[in-house]
Each structure stands twice: as structure tokens, then as C-alpha cells.
């Protein structure tokens, strides 16, 4: 049974179609993964920004506490409450 060039051509076309289908699946998965990574990066940026705001609020609170401590020290000195 001889293999004709038409059969070889059809076999090659079938293989190419399978390769193309596989490539299409890989490209779709890559696109999906790229989108997911972009979402993760956006979330990470949001977390970093939030941490910056928390650090700023913490610094503001510490400054306020320092001012209150200074006032309390002055009051204690005036009233001669310190040892």
C-alpha cells in the first residue's frame, strides 16, 4: 500500500491544525495569566499606598503624643509635682 502525496499533505495539515490549536490554547492562557498578574500588581500598589497612609497617620499621632507629653511636663514643673 503506497502512501500518496495527498495523504502525506493531509497528514501534515492535520498536524499543523493540532499545533495551531495547542498554540491558541497557550496564547489564551498567557493572556489570562497576564491579566491576573496585572491585577496582582494593582492590588500590591494599593496595599503599598495604604501602608504609606498608615505610616503617615502613625507619625501624626506620635507627634501629637509628644506635644501632650511636653505640655504635661511643663504643667508638672509649674505645680512642682516632679521629684
N, C-alpha and C. Protein backbone atom coordinates (compact mmCIF):
# COMPACT_ATOMS: atom_id res chain seq x y z
N UNK A 1 0.84 -1.18 0.00
CA UNK A 1 0.00 0.00 0.00
C UNK A 1 0.89 1.24 0.00
N UNK A 2 0.85 1.96 -1.04
CA UNK A 2 1.70 3.13 -1.22
C UNK A 2 1.03 4.35 -0.60
N UNK A 3 1.85 5.20 -0.01
CA UNK A 3 1.36 6.44 0.57
C UNK A 3 1.47 7.51 -0.50
N UNK A 4 0.36 8.10 -0.80
CA UNK A 4 0.36 9.13 -1.85
C UNK A 4 0.71 10.48 -1.26
N UNK A 5 1.09 11.38 -2.12
CA UNK A 5 1.44 12.73 -1.66
C UNK A 5 0.23 13.44 -1.07
N UNK A 6 -0.98 13.13 -1.54
CA UNK A 6 -2.20 13.72 -0.96
C UNK A 6 -2.37 13.29 0.49
N UNK A 7 -2.09 12.02 0.75
CA UNK A 7 -2.22 11.53 2.13
C UNK A 7 -1.17 12.19 3.04
N UNK A 8 0.02 12.34 2.52
CA UNK A 8 1.08 12.99 3.29
C UNK A 8 0.71 14.44 3.56
N UNK A 9 0.20 15.10 2.54
CA UNK A 9 -0.21 16.50 2.69
C UNK A 9 -1.33 16.63 3.71
N UNK A 10 -2.32 15.74 3.65
CA UNK A 10 -3.42 15.76 4.62
C UNK A 10 -2.92 15.50 6.04
N UNK A 11 -1.98 14.56 6.16
CA UNK A 11 -1.40 14.26 7.46
C UNK A 11 -0.66 15.47 8.02
N UNK A 12 0.09 16.13 7.16
CA UNK A 12 0.82 17.33 7.59
C UNK A 12 -0.17 18.43 8.00
N UNK A 13 -1.24 18.59 7.23
CA UNK A 13 -2.24 19.61 7.57
C UNK A 13 -2.90 19.30 8.91
N UNK A 14 -3.19 18.05 9.17
CA UNK A 14 -3.77 17.66 10.46
C UNK A 14 -2.82 17.98 11.61
N UNK A 15 -1.56 17.69 11.43
CA UNK A 15 -0.57 18.00 12.46
C UNK A 15 -0.47 19.51 12.67
N UNK A 16 -0.46 20.26 11.59
CA UNK A 16 -0.39 21.72 11.71
C UNK A 16 -1.62 22.28 12.41
N UNK A 17 -2.78 21.70 12.12
CA UNK A 17 -4.01 22.14 12.80
C UNK A 17 -3.93 21.87 14.30
N UNK A 18 -3.40 20.71 14.66
CA UNK A 18 -3.25 20.37 16.08
C UNK A 18 -2.26 21.33 16.75
N UNK A 19 -1.15 21.59 16.07
CA UNK A 19 -0.17 22.54 16.62
C UNK A 19 -0.80 23.92 16.80
N UNK A 20 -1.58 24.34 15.81
CA UNK A 20 -2.22 25.65 15.89
C UNK A 20 -3.23 25.69 17.04
N UNK A 21 -3.99 24.63 17.22
CA UNK A 21 -4.96 24.58 18.32
C UNK A 21 -4.23 24.65 19.66
N UNK A 22 -3.12 23.94 19.77
CA UNK A 22 -2.34 23.98 21.01
C UNK A 22 -1.78 25.37 21.24
N UNK A 23 -1.26 25.97 20.19
CA UNK A 23 -0.72 27.32 20.28
C UNK A 23 -1.80 28.31 20.70
N UNK A 24 -3.00 28.17 20.15
CA UNK A 24 -4.12 29.04 20.52
C UNK A 24 -4.45 28.91 22.01
N UNK A 25 -4.44 27.67 22.52
CA UNK A 25 -4.71 27.46 23.95
C UNK A 25 -3.62 28.10 24.81
N UNK A 26 -2.38 27.96 24.38
CA UNK A 26 -1.26 28.55 25.13
C UNK A 26 -1.37 30.07 25.11
N UNK A 27 -1.69 30.65 23.97
CA UNK A 27 -1.84 32.11 23.88
C UNK A 27 -2.98 32.60 24.76
N UNK A 28 -4.10 31.88 24.77
CA UNK A 28 -5.23 32.28 25.61
C UNK A 28 -4.85 32.21 27.09
N UNK A 29 -4.14 31.16 27.46
CA UNK A 29 -3.71 31.02 28.86
C UNK A 29 -2.73 32.13 29.23
N UNK A 30 -1.83 32.46 28.32
CA UNK A 30 -0.86 33.54 28.56
C UNK A 30 -1.58 34.87 28.74
N UNK A 31 -2.57 35.12 27.93
CA UNK A 31 -3.35 36.35 28.05
C UNK A 31 -4.06 36.40 29.41
N UNK A 32 -4.63 35.28 29.81
CA UNK A 32 -5.30 35.19 31.10
C UNK A 32 -4.31 35.44 32.24
N UNK A 33 -3.15 34.82 32.16
CA UNK A 33 -2.14 34.98 33.22
C UNK A 33 -1.62 36.41 33.27
N UNK A 34 -1.45 37.03 32.12
CA UNK A 34 -1.00 38.42 32.07
C UNK A 34 -2.01 39.33 32.77
N UNK A 35 -3.28 39.08 32.53
CA UNK A 35 -4.33 39.86 33.20
C UNK A 35 -4.32 39.65 34.70
N UNK A 36 -4.14 38.41 35.12
CA UNK A 36 -4.11 38.12 36.55
C UNK A 36 -2.90 38.77 37.22
N UNK A 37 -1.76 38.76 36.55
CA UNK A 37 -0.57 39.40 37.11
C UNK A 37 -0.79 40.91 37.23
N UNK A 38 -1.42 41.50 36.22
CA UNK A 38 -1.72 42.94 36.27
C UNK A 38 -2.63 43.25 37.46
N UNK A 39 -3.61 42.40 37.72
CA UNK A 39 -4.50 42.59 38.87
C UNK A 39 -3.71 42.48 40.18
N UNK A 40 -2.81 41.52 40.26
CA UNK A 40 -1.99 41.36 41.46
C UNK A 40 -1.11 42.59 41.68
N UNK A 41 -0.52 43.10 40.61
CA UNK A 41 0.33 44.28 40.72
C UNK A 41 -0.49 45.49 41.18
N UNK A 42 -1.70 45.62 40.67
CA UNK A 42 -2.57 46.71 41.10
C UNK A 42 -2.92 46.59 42.57
N UNK A 43 -3.21 45.38 43.01
CA UNK A 43 -3.50 45.15 44.42
C UNK A 43 -2.31 45.46 45.30
N UNK A 44 -1.14 45.06 44.85
CA UNK A 44 0.09 45.32 45.60
C UNK A 44 0.33 46.83 45.72
N UNK A 45 0.12 47.55 44.64
CA UNK A 45 0.29 49.01 44.67
C UNK A 45 -0.70 49.64 45.66
N UNK A 46 -1.91 49.12 45.69
CA UNK A 46 -2.92 49.64 46.62
C UNK A 46 -2.50 49.39 48.06
N UNK A 47 -1.97 48.20 48.33
CA UNK A 47 -1.52 47.87 49.69
C UNK A 47 -0.37 48.78 50.10
N UNK A 48 0.58 48.99 49.20
CA UNK A 48 1.73 49.86 49.49
C UNK A 48 1.25 51.28 49.79
N UNK A 49 0.30 51.75 49.01
CA UNK A 49 -0.25 53.09 49.23
C UNK A 49 -0.93 53.17 50.60
N UNK A 50 -1.70 52.15 50.92
CA UNK A 50 -2.41 52.11 52.20
C UNK A 50 -1.40 52.10 53.37
N UNK A 51 -0.33 51.33 53.22
CA UNK A 51 0.70 51.30 54.26
C UNK A 51 1.34 52.67 54.44
N UNK A 52 1.53 53.39 53.35
CA UNK A 52 2.07 54.75 53.44
C UNK A 52 1.15 55.67 54.22
N UNK A 53 -0.15 55.55 53.97
CA UNK A 53 -1.12 56.37 54.71
C UNK A 53 -1.12 56.01 56.19
N UNK A 54 -1.01 54.71 56.49
CA UNK A 54 -0.97 54.29 57.89
C UNK A 54 0.27 54.82 58.59
N UNK A 55 1.40 54.80 57.90
CA UNK A 55 2.64 55.32 58.48
C UNK A 55 2.52 56.81 58.74
N UNK A 56 1.89 57.52 57.82
CA UNK A 56 1.69 58.96 57.99
C UNK A 56 0.78 59.24 59.19
N UNK A 57 -0.30 58.48 59.31
CA UNK A 57 -1.21 58.66 60.44
C UNK A 57 -0.51 58.34 61.76
N UNK A 58 0.32 57.31 61.75
CA UNK A 58 1.07 56.94 62.95
C UNK A 58 2.03 58.06 63.34
N UNK A 59 2.72 58.65 62.37
CA UNK A 59 3.65 59.75 62.65
C UNK A 59 2.90 60.95 63.22
N UNK A 60 1.74 61.24 62.67
CA UNK A 60 0.93 62.36 63.17
C UNK A 60 0.50 62.12 64.61
N UNK A 61 0.08 60.90 64.91
CA UNK A 61 -0.32 60.56 66.27
C UNK A 61 0.86 60.65 67.23
N UNK A 62 2.01 60.19 66.81
CA UNK A 62 3.20 60.26 67.66
C UNK A 62 3.57 61.71 67.95
N UNK A 63 3.46 62.57 66.95
CA UNK A 63 3.76 63.99 67.14
C UNK A 63 2.80 64.61 68.15
N UNK A 64 1.53 64.26 68.03
CA UNK A 64 0.52 64.76 68.97
C UNK A 64 0.81 64.28 70.39
N UNK A 65 1.19 63.02 70.53
CA UNK A 65 1.54 62.47 71.85
C UNK A 65 2.75 63.18 72.42
N UNK A 66 3.74 63.45 71.59
CA UNK A 66 4.94 64.16 72.04
C UNK A 66 4.59 65.56 72.55
N UNK A 67 3.69 66.26 71.86
CA UNK A 67 3.26 67.60 72.30
C UNK A 67 2.53 67.52 73.64
N UNK A 68 1.68 66.53 73.79
CA UNK A 68 0.95 66.36 75.05
C UNK A 68 1.93 66.06 76.20
N UNK A 69 2.92 65.23 75.94
CA UNK A 69 3.91 64.92 76.97
C UNK A 69 4.69 66.18 77.36
N UNK A 70 5.03 67.00 76.38
CA UNK A 70 5.76 68.24 76.67
C UNK A 70 4.90 69.17 77.52
N UNK A 71 3.63 69.29 77.19
CA UNK A 71 2.71 70.14 77.98
C UNK A 71 2.57 69.61 79.40
N UNK A 72 2.43 68.29 79.52
CA UNK A 72 2.29 67.68 80.84
C UNK A 72 3.54 67.93 81.68
N UNK A 73 4.71 67.83 81.06
CA UNK A 73 5.96 68.11 81.78
C UNK A 73 6.00 69.56 82.27
N UNK A 74 5.59 70.51 81.44
CA UNK A 74 5.57 71.93 81.84
C UNK A 74 4.60 72.16 83.00
N UNK A 75 3.43 71.54 82.92
CA UNK A 75 2.43 71.69 83.98
C UNK A 75 2.96 71.13 85.29
N UNK A 76 3.58 69.94 85.23
CA UNK A 76 4.12 69.33 86.44
C UNK A 76 5.23 70.20 87.05
N UNK A 77 6.06 70.80 86.21
CA UNK A 77 7.11 71.68 86.71
C UNK A 77 6.52 72.92 87.40
N UNK A 78 5.50 73.52 86.78
CA UNK A 78 4.87 74.71 87.35
C UNK A 78 4.22 74.39 88.69
N UNK A 79 3.59 73.23 88.77
CA UNK A 79 2.93 72.85 90.01
C UNK A 79 3.88 72.18 90.99
N UNK A 80 5.13 72.07 90.58
CA UNK A 80 6.18 71.45 91.38
C UNK A 80 5.78 70.03 91.80
N UNK A 81 5.28 69.26 90.82
CA UNK A 81 4.86 67.89 91.08
C UNK A 81 5.94 66.88 90.75
N UNK A 82 7.02 67.34 90.17
CA UNK A 82 8.11 66.41 89.80
C UNK A 82 9.05 66.26 90.97
N UNK A 83 9.74 65.12 90.99
CA UNK A 83 10.68 64.84 92.09
C UNK A 83 11.96 65.55 91.92
